[in-house]
Amino acid sequence: METTDTDAPDDEPAPADTAPRISVCNATPERTVFAEEGNEDGWIATDYSVSLTR
């Protein structure tokens, strides 16, 4: 029987490393476009967005 529980190091990247990188572009003063890095087919455009503070 094969052992499935091991103490081997996990090669999975940390969650922060797997978060998608998002670019933001103001197409016009009224329109903002969000695009995921490396995904030319997926984007979101909005006529209303707000600034966030961290």
C-alpha atoms as a PDB file:
ATOM      1  CA  MET A   1       0.000   0.000   0.000  1.00  0.00           C
ATOM      2  CA  GLU A   2       1.370   3.437  -0.935  1.00  0.00           C
ATOM      3  CA  THR A   3       1.768   6.124   1.729  1.00  0.00           C
ATOM      4  CA  THR A   4      -0.047   9.349   0.859  1.00  0.00           C
ATOM      5  CA  ASP A   5       0.842  11.479   3.912  1.00  0.00           C
ATOM      6  CA  THR A   6       4.369  12.881   3.671  1.00  0.00           C
ATOM      7  CA  ASP A   7       6.358  15.698   5.191  1.00  0.00           C
ATOM      8  CA  ALA A   8       7.863  16.650   1.830  1.00  0.00           C
ATOM      9  CA  PRO A   9       8.026  20.388   1.080  1.00  0.00           C
ATOM     10  CA  ASP A  10       5.052  21.758  -0.798  1.00  0.00           C
ATOM     11  CA  ASP A  11       5.968  23.055  -4.259  1.00  0.00           C
ATOM     12  CA  GLU A  12       2.691  24.980  -4.555  1.00  0.00           C
ATOM     13  CA  PRO A  13       3.191  28.772  -4.729  1.00  0.00           C
ATOM     14  CA  ALA A  14       1.909  30.881  -1.870  1.00  0.00           C
ATOM     15  CA  PRO A  15      -1.614  32.323  -2.431  1.00  0.00           C
ATOM     16  CA  ALA A  16      -0.181  35.817  -2.951  1.00  0.00           C
ATOM     17  CA  ASP A  17       1.947  34.429  -5.806  1.00  0.00           C
ATOM     18  CA  THR A  18      -1.086  33.001  -7.604  1.00  0.00           C
ATOM     19  CA  ALA A  19      -3.229  36.154  -7.560  1.00  0.00           C
ATOM     20  CA  PRO A  20      -3.919  37.444 -11.073  1.00  0.00           C
ATOM     21  CA  ARG A  21      -2.239  40.677 -12.115  1.00  0.00           C
ATOM     22  CA  ILE A  22      -4.786  43.224 -13.268  1.00  0.00           C
ATOM     23  CA  SER A  23      -4.117  46.215 -15.524  1.00  0.00           C
ATOM     24  CA  VAL A  24      -6.367  49.270 -15.473  1.00  0.00           C
ATOM     25  CA  CYS A  25      -6.820  51.626 -18.405  1.00  0.00           C
ATOM     26  CA  ASN A  26      -9.027  54.699 -18.733  1.00  0.00           C
ATOM     27  CA  ALA A  27     -10.389  54.287 -22.262  1.00  0.00           C
ATOM     28  CA  THR A  28     -12.242  57.611 -21.911  1.00  0.00           C
ATOM     29  CA  PRO A  29     -12.727  59.902 -18.909  1.00  0.00           C
ATOM     30  CA  GLU A  30     -15.997  58.055 -18.225  1.00  0.00           C
ATOM     31  CA  ARG A  31     -14.888  54.454 -18.950  1.00  0.00           C
ATOM     32  CA  THR A  32     -12.404  52.242 -17.102  1.00  0.00           C
ATOM     33  CA  VAL A  33     -11.228  48.899 -18.499  1.00  0.00           C
ATOM     34  CA  PHE A  34      -9.756  46.133 -16.321  1.00  0.00           C
ATOM     35  CA  ALA A  35      -7.712  43.357 -17.995  1.00  0.00           C
ATOM     36  CA  GLU A  36      -5.985  40.291 -16.560  1.00  0.00           C
ATOM     37  CA  GLU A  37      -2.320  39.957 -17.522  1.00  0.00           C
ATOM     38  CA  GLY A  38      -1.879  37.360 -20.271  1.00  0.00           C
ATOM     39  CA  ASN A  39      -5.626  37.049 -20.929  1.00  0.00           C
ATOM     40  CA  GLU A  40      -6.440  39.119 -24.005  1.00  0.00           C
ATOM     41  CA  ASP A  41      -9.924  37.588 -24.287  1.00  0.00           C
ATOM     42  CA  GLY A  42     -11.120  38.443 -20.776  1.00  0.00           C
ATOM     43  CA  TRP A  43     -11.727  42.025 -19.701  1.00  0.00           C
ATOM     44  CA  ILE A  44     -14.280  44.117 -17.832  1.00  0.00           C
ATOM     45  CA  ALA A  45     -15.337  47.648 -18.772  1.00  0.00           C
ATOM     46  CA  THR A  46     -17.316  49.952 -16.521  1.00  0.00           C
ATOM     47  CA  ASP A  47     -18.713  53.461 -16.695  1.00  0.00           C
ATOM     48  CA  TYR A  48     -18.573  53.781 -12.903  1.00  0.00           C
ATOM     49  CA  SER A  49     -15.675  52.842 -10.640  1.00  0.00           C
ATOM     50  CA  VAL A  50     -14.474  54.086  -7.279  1.00  0.00           C
ATOM     51  CA  SER A  51     -11.000  54.493  -5.802  1.00  0.00           C
ATOM     52  CA  LEU A  52     -10.097  52.265  -2.878  1.00  0.00           C
ATOM     53  CA  THR A  53      -7.836  53.199  -0.009  1.00  0.00           C
ATOM     54  CA  ARG A  54      -5.690  50.603   1.714  1.00  0.00           C
END
